[in-house]
Structures are given as C-alpha cells and as structure tokens.
Amino acid sequence: MSELTLTVKRTIPAPQEKVFDAWLDARMLAKFMRPGTDVSVPKAETDAREGGRFSILMLAGDKEIPHAGTYLEVTPHSRIVFTWESPYSTDDSTVTLDFTAAGDDATDIALTHVKFPSEESRDNHKGGWTAILDTLATAFG
C-alpha cells in the first residue's frame, strides 16, 4: 500500500511568486496549514532551502500533532518538493507542489502527495490538503 498517491489542484487568487513564497514562510504556514476548521498552528519554523528543514505544530483541540520535513527541491516560483513526516505518514512520504501562473493575479497549484500506510490515510490526507489549499486561497486578503 506504500505507493498510494493523491493529487489536489486549486487556483489561488494571488500571483505565482506570492503563492510560492507562502509555502516557505513560517508566518504564512501558520496561517494556512490548517486541515480542519478546529485546527490551529501555534508554531511553525522553516529553513527554506534545499536540505533545510521545516516543522509545523498543529493543534486540534488539546491534541498536538507535530509535522516536519526536509526540502528536497526548491525551484523558485515553480516547484517545491519536501518529505512529509507526521504521526500519520510513512517513511519516504513526499509532497510535490507545482505552481503555474493563471493570468497576472492567480496561480494554479498542483499538490501531489505519495506513499501512505493505507487507503484510509490517503483519503484523510486528501481532505486535509483540500482544506489547506482552500485556506491558502483566502490567506492573501
């Protein structure tokens, strides 16, 4: 089951550079990395370079859910690839973000996450990533 994959796509109403940069900025990650309305991010840190690490502490009620990863690829304004480490992920799980301009003031983003321990985990992550991209779409206002 480790080769399960999901892809979520969304058009974000902001320029490509701003959308790309948001994924590398700890303050912005804390604002939009919320996979549910009951989830907050009290702490986010980034070392936004290939080989650098990030950490995101999600809080669902009083339950802390730590997430972390290593940036494997950072191609300015077009692609970010990182490992995804959480209590609900498997070894070698990665996320790829591809950014494409959709006019002057919008960006198409395709998020592909690979390797899950089960179909249920993949489906839960699909819901979480969809909510995160929906929140990102409102983060620039």
C-alpha atoms as a PDB file:
ATOM      1  CA  MET A   1       0.000   0.000   0.000  1.00  0.00           C
ATOM      2  CA  SER A   2       3.004   2.329   0.223  1.00  0.00           C
ATOM      3  CA  GLU A   3       2.649   3.546  -3.371  1.00  0.00           C
ATOM      4  CA  LEU A   4      -0.730   5.210  -2.845  1.00  0.00           C
ATOM      5  CA  THR A   5      -0.840   8.734  -4.305  1.00  0.00           C
ATOM      6  CA  LEU A   6      -3.133  11.727  -4.176  1.00  0.00           C
ATOM      7  CA  THR A   7      -3.259  14.953  -6.172  1.00  0.00           C
ATOM      8  CA  VAL A   8      -5.199  18.079  -5.224  1.00  0.00           C
ATOM      9  CA  LYS A   9      -5.417  21.088  -7.544  1.00  0.00           C
ATOM     10  CA  ARG A  10      -6.604  24.602  -6.833  1.00  0.00           C
ATOM     11  CA  THR A  11      -6.433  28.048  -8.376  1.00  0.00           C
ATOM     12  CA  ILE A  12      -5.253  30.583  -5.799  1.00  0.00           C
ATOM     13  CA  PRO A  13      -6.207  34.244  -6.357  1.00  0.00           C
ATOM     14  CA  ALA A  14      -2.690  35.626  -5.908  1.00  0.00           C
ATOM     15  CA  PRO A  15       0.420  35.988  -8.099  1.00  0.00           C
ATOM     16  CA  GLN A  16       2.630  32.931  -8.546  1.00  0.00           C
ATOM     17  CA  GLU A  17       5.587  34.406  -6.653  1.00  0.00           C
ATOM     18  CA  LYS A  18       3.443  35.195  -3.587  1.00  0.00           C
ATOM     19  CA  VAL A  19       1.831  31.742  -3.540  1.00  0.00           C
ATOM     20  CA  PHE A  20       5.223  30.035  -3.878  1.00  0.00           C
ATOM     21  CA  ASP A  21       6.780  32.194  -1.156  1.00  0.00           C
ATOM     22  CA  ALA A  22       3.897  31.450   1.231  1.00  0.00           C
ATOM     23  CA  TRP A  23       4.949  27.785   1.374  1.00  0.00           C
ATOM     24  CA  LEU A  24       8.434  28.781   2.563  1.00  0.00           C
ATOM     25  CA  ASP A  25       7.419  31.443   5.102  1.00  0.00           C
ATOM     26  CA  ALA A  26       6.774  30.249   8.668  1.00  0.00           C
ATOM     27  CA  ARG A  27       4.270  33.035   9.383  1.00  0.00           C
ATOM     28  CA  MET A  28       2.217  32.170   6.312  1.00  0.00           C
ATOM     29  CA  LEU A  29       2.402  28.412   7.014  1.00  0.00           C
ATOM     30  CA  ALA A  30       0.937  29.085  10.459  1.00  0.00           C
ATOM     31  CA  LYS A  31      -1.888  30.965   8.767  1.00  0.00           C
ATOM     32  CA  PHE A  32      -2.976  28.360   6.204  1.00  0.00           C
ATOM     33  CA  MET A  33      -1.660  24.885   7.207  1.00  0.00           C
ATOM     34  CA  ARG A  34      -4.955  24.035   8.845  1.00  0.00           C
ATOM     35  CA  PRO A  35      -6.510  20.766   7.636  1.00  0.00           C
ATOM     36  CA  GLY A  36      -9.740  21.466   9.509  1.00  0.00           C
ATOM     37  CA  THR A  37     -11.663  24.373  10.991  1.00  0.00           C
ATOM     38  CA  ASP A  38     -10.848  23.135  14.509  1.00  0.00           C
ATOM     39  CA  VAL A  39      -7.086  23.069  13.846  1.00  0.00           C
ATOM     40  CA  SER A  40      -4.654  25.865  14.659  1.00  0.00           C
ATOM     41  CA  VAL A  41      -0.907  26.184  14.143  1.00  0.00           C
ATOM     42  CA  PRO A  42       0.702  27.718  17.241  1.00  0.00           C
ATOM     43  CA  LYS A  43       4.235  27.094  15.948  1.00  0.00           C
ATOM     44  CA  ALA A  44       5.859  26.885  12.513  1.00  0.00           C
ATOM     45  CA  GLU A  45       9.542  27.120  11.585  1.00  0.00           C
ATOM     46  CA  THR A  46      11.303  26.945   8.225  1.00  0.00           C
ATOM     47  CA  ASP A  47      14.826  26.776   6.867  1.00  0.00           C
ATOM     48  CA  ALA A  48      13.664  27.395   3.305  1.00  0.00           C
ATOM     49  CA  ARG A  49      16.436  25.903   1.177  1.00  0.00           C
ATOM     50  CA  GLU A  50      17.214  22.537  -0.362  1.00  0.00           C
ATOM     51  CA  GLY A  51      18.342  20.357   2.516  1.00  0.00           C
ATOM     52  CA  GLY A  52      16.703  22.701   5.036  1.00  0.00           C
ATOM     53  CA  ARG A  53      14.004  21.529   7.418  1.00  0.00           C
ATOM     54  CA  PHE A  54      10.593  22.769   8.456  1.00  0.00           C
ATOM     55  CA  SER A  55       8.389  21.984  11.420  1.00  0.00           C
ATOM     56  CA  ILE A  56       4.721  22.685  11.944  1.00  0.00           C
ATOM     57  CA  LEU A  57       2.878  22.039  15.184  1.00  0.00           C
ATOM     58  CA  MET A  58      -0.840  21.580  14.546  1.00  0.00           C
ATOM     59  CA  LEU A  59      -3.242  21.758  17.476  1.00  0.00           C
ATOM     60  CA  ALA A  60      -6.637  20.027  17.263  1.00  0.00           C
ATOM     61  CA  GLY A  61      -8.415  20.846  20.498  1.00  0.00           C
ATOM     62  CA  ASP A  62      -5.779  19.969  23.085  1.00  0.00           C
ATOM     63  CA  LYS A  63      -4.080  17.340  20.870  1.00  0.00           C
ATOM     64  CA  GLU A  64      -0.689  18.346  19.480  1.00  0.00           C
ATOM     65  CA  ILE A  65       0.129  16.894  16.037  1.00  0.00           C
ATOM     66  CA  PRO A  66       3.751  17.544  15.017  1.00  0.00           C
ATOM     67  CA  HIS A  67       4.699  17.650  11.326  1.00  0.00           C
ATOM     68  CA  ALA A  68       8.156  18.126   9.849  1.00  0.00           C
ATOM     69  CA  GLY A  69      10.128  17.551   6.701  1.00  0.00           C
ATOM     70  CA  THR A  70      13.165  18.282   4.603  1.00  0.00           C
ATOM     71  CA  TYR A  71      13.098  20.420   1.470  1.00  0.00           C
ATOM     72  CA  LEU A  72      14.350  18.191  -1.350  1.00  0.00           C
ATOM     73  CA  GLU A  73      13.836  20.692  -4.185  1.00  0.00           C
ATOM     74  CA  VAL A  74      13.181  24.425  -4.186  1.00  0.00           C
ATOM     75  CA  THR A  75      12.915  25.777  -7.735  1.00  0.00           C
ATOM     76  CA  PRO A  76      11.926  29.440  -7.367  1.00  0.00           C
ATOM     77  CA  HIS A  77       8.313  30.130  -8.132  1.00  0.00           C
ATOM     78  CA  SER A  78       7.647  26.817  -9.902  1.00  0.00           C
ATOM     79  CA  ARG A  79       8.256  23.755  -7.686  1.00  0.00           C
ATOM     80  CA  ILE A  80       8.818  22.686  -4.092  1.00  0.00           C
ATOM     81  CA  VAL A  81       9.362  19.063  -3.045  1.00  0.00           C
ATOM     82  CA  PHE A  82       9.599  18.044   0.599  1.00  0.00           C
ATOM     83  CA  THR A  83       9.409  14.984   2.803  1.00  0.00           C
ATOM     84  CA  TRP A  84       6.307  14.706   4.981  1.00  0.00           C
ATOM     85  CA  GLU A  85       6.851  13.410   8.490  1.00  0.00           C
ATOM     86  CA  SER A  86       3.887  13.089  10.832  1.00  0.00           C
ATOM     87  CA  PRO A  87       2.321  10.529  13.168  1.00  0.00           C
ATOM     88  CA  TYR A  88       0.073   9.585  10.218  1.00  0.00           C
ATOM     89  CA  SER A  89       2.683   9.265   7.460  1.00  0.00           C
ATOM     90  CA  THR A  90       5.059   6.564   6.337  1.00  0.00           C
ATOM     91  CA  ASP A  91       8.793   6.685   5.676  1.00  0.00           C
ATOM     92  CA  ASP A  92       9.705   8.313   2.353  1.00  0.00           C
ATOM     93  CA  SER A  93       6.375  10.109   2.065  1.00  0.00           C
ATOM     94  CA  THR A  94       6.861  13.199  -0.099  1.00  0.00           C
ATOM     95  CA  VAL A  95       4.833  16.181  -1.247  1.00  0.00           C
ATOM     96  CA  THR A  96       5.408  17.965  -4.561  1.00  0.00           C
ATOM     97  CA  LEU A  97       3.962  21.412  -5.216  1.00  0.00           C
ATOM     98  CA  ASP A  98       3.866  22.663  -8.801  1.00  0.00           C
ATOM     99  CA  PHE A  99       2.987  26.329  -9.394  1.00  0.00           C
ATOM    100  CA  THR A 100       1.805  27.752 -12.727  1.00  0.00           C
ATOM    101  CA  ALA A 101       0.655  31.294 -13.465  1.00  0.00           C
ATOM    102  CA  ALA A 102      -3.047  31.540 -14.250  1.00  0.00           C
ATOM    103  CA  GLY A 103      -3.061  35.100 -15.521  1.00  0.00           C
ATOM    104  CA  ASP A 104      -1.416  38.032 -13.745  1.00  0.00           C
ATOM    105  CA  ASP A 105      -3.123  37.625 -10.393  1.00  0.00           C
ATOM    106  CA  ALA A 106      -3.817  33.908  -9.976  1.00  0.00           C
ATOM    107  CA  THR A 107      -1.818  30.717  -9.604  1.00  0.00           C
ATOM    108  CA  ASP A 108      -2.681  27.126 -10.379  1.00  0.00           C
ATOM    109  CA  ILE A 109      -1.206  24.826  -7.775  1.00  0.00           C
ATOM    110  CA  ALA A 110      -0.996  21.051  -8.052  1.00  0.00           C
ATOM    111  CA  LEU A 111      -0.140  19.228  -4.832  1.00  0.00           C
ATOM    112  CA  THR A 112       0.899  15.580  -5.173  1.00  0.00           C
ATOM    113  CA  HIS A 113       1.494  13.517  -2.040  1.00  0.00           C
ATOM    114  CA  VAL A 114       2.901   9.992  -2.372  1.00  0.00           C
ATOM    115  CA  LYS A 115       3.257   6.996  -0.044  1.00  0.00           C
ATOM    116  CA  PHE A 116       0.642   6.324   2.601  1.00  0.00           C
ATOM    117  CA  PRO A 117       0.258   3.461   5.069  1.00  0.00           C
ATOM    118  CA  SER A 118      -3.337   2.811   3.925  1.00  0.00           C
ATOM    119  CA  GLU A 119      -6.134   3.974   1.645  1.00  0.00           C
ATOM    120  CA  GLU A 120      -7.844   5.493   4.694  1.00  0.00           C
ATOM    121  CA  SER A 121      -4.727   7.547   5.434  1.00  0.00           C
ATOM    122  CA  ARG A 122      -4.556   8.720   1.811  1.00  0.00           C
ATOM    123  CA  ASP A 123      -8.229   9.712   1.859  1.00  0.00           C
ATOM    124  CA  ASN A 124      -7.821  11.565   5.173  1.00  0.00           C
ATOM    125  CA  HIS A 125      -4.800  13.426   3.785  1.00  0.00           C
ATOM    126  CA  LYS A 126      -6.752  14.333   0.647  1.00  0.00           C
ATOM    127  CA  GLY A 127      -9.376  16.006   2.830  1.00  0.00           C
ATOM    128  CA  GLY A 128      -6.678  17.765   4.837  1.00  0.00           C
ATOM    129  CA  TRP A 129      -4.758  19.043   1.810  1.00  0.00           C
ATOM    130  CA  THR A 130      -8.004  20.207   0.182  1.00  0.00           C
ATOM    131  CA  ALA A 131      -8.850  22.219   3.317  1.00  0.00           C
ATOM    132  CA  ILE A 132      -5.296  23.623   3.451  1.00  0.00           C
ATOM    133  CA  LEU A 133      -5.473  24.807  -0.181  1.00  0.00           C
ATOM    134  CA  ASP A 134      -8.916  26.309   0.460  1.00  0.00           C
ATOM    135  CA  THR A 135      -7.468  28.220   3.437  1.00  0.00           C
ATOM    136  CA  LEU A 136      -4.460  29.283   1.358  1.00  0.00           C
ATOM    137  CA  ALA A 137      -6.850  30.747  -1.211  1.00  0.00           C
ATOM    138  CA  THR A 138      -8.111  33.190   1.440  1.00  0.00           C
ATOM    139  CA  ALA A 139      -4.726  33.922   3.066  1.00  0.00           C
ATOM    140  CA  PHE A 140      -3.748  36.830   0.826  1.00  0.00           C
ATOM    141  CA  GLY A 141      -6.710  39.103   1.534  1.00  0.00           C
END
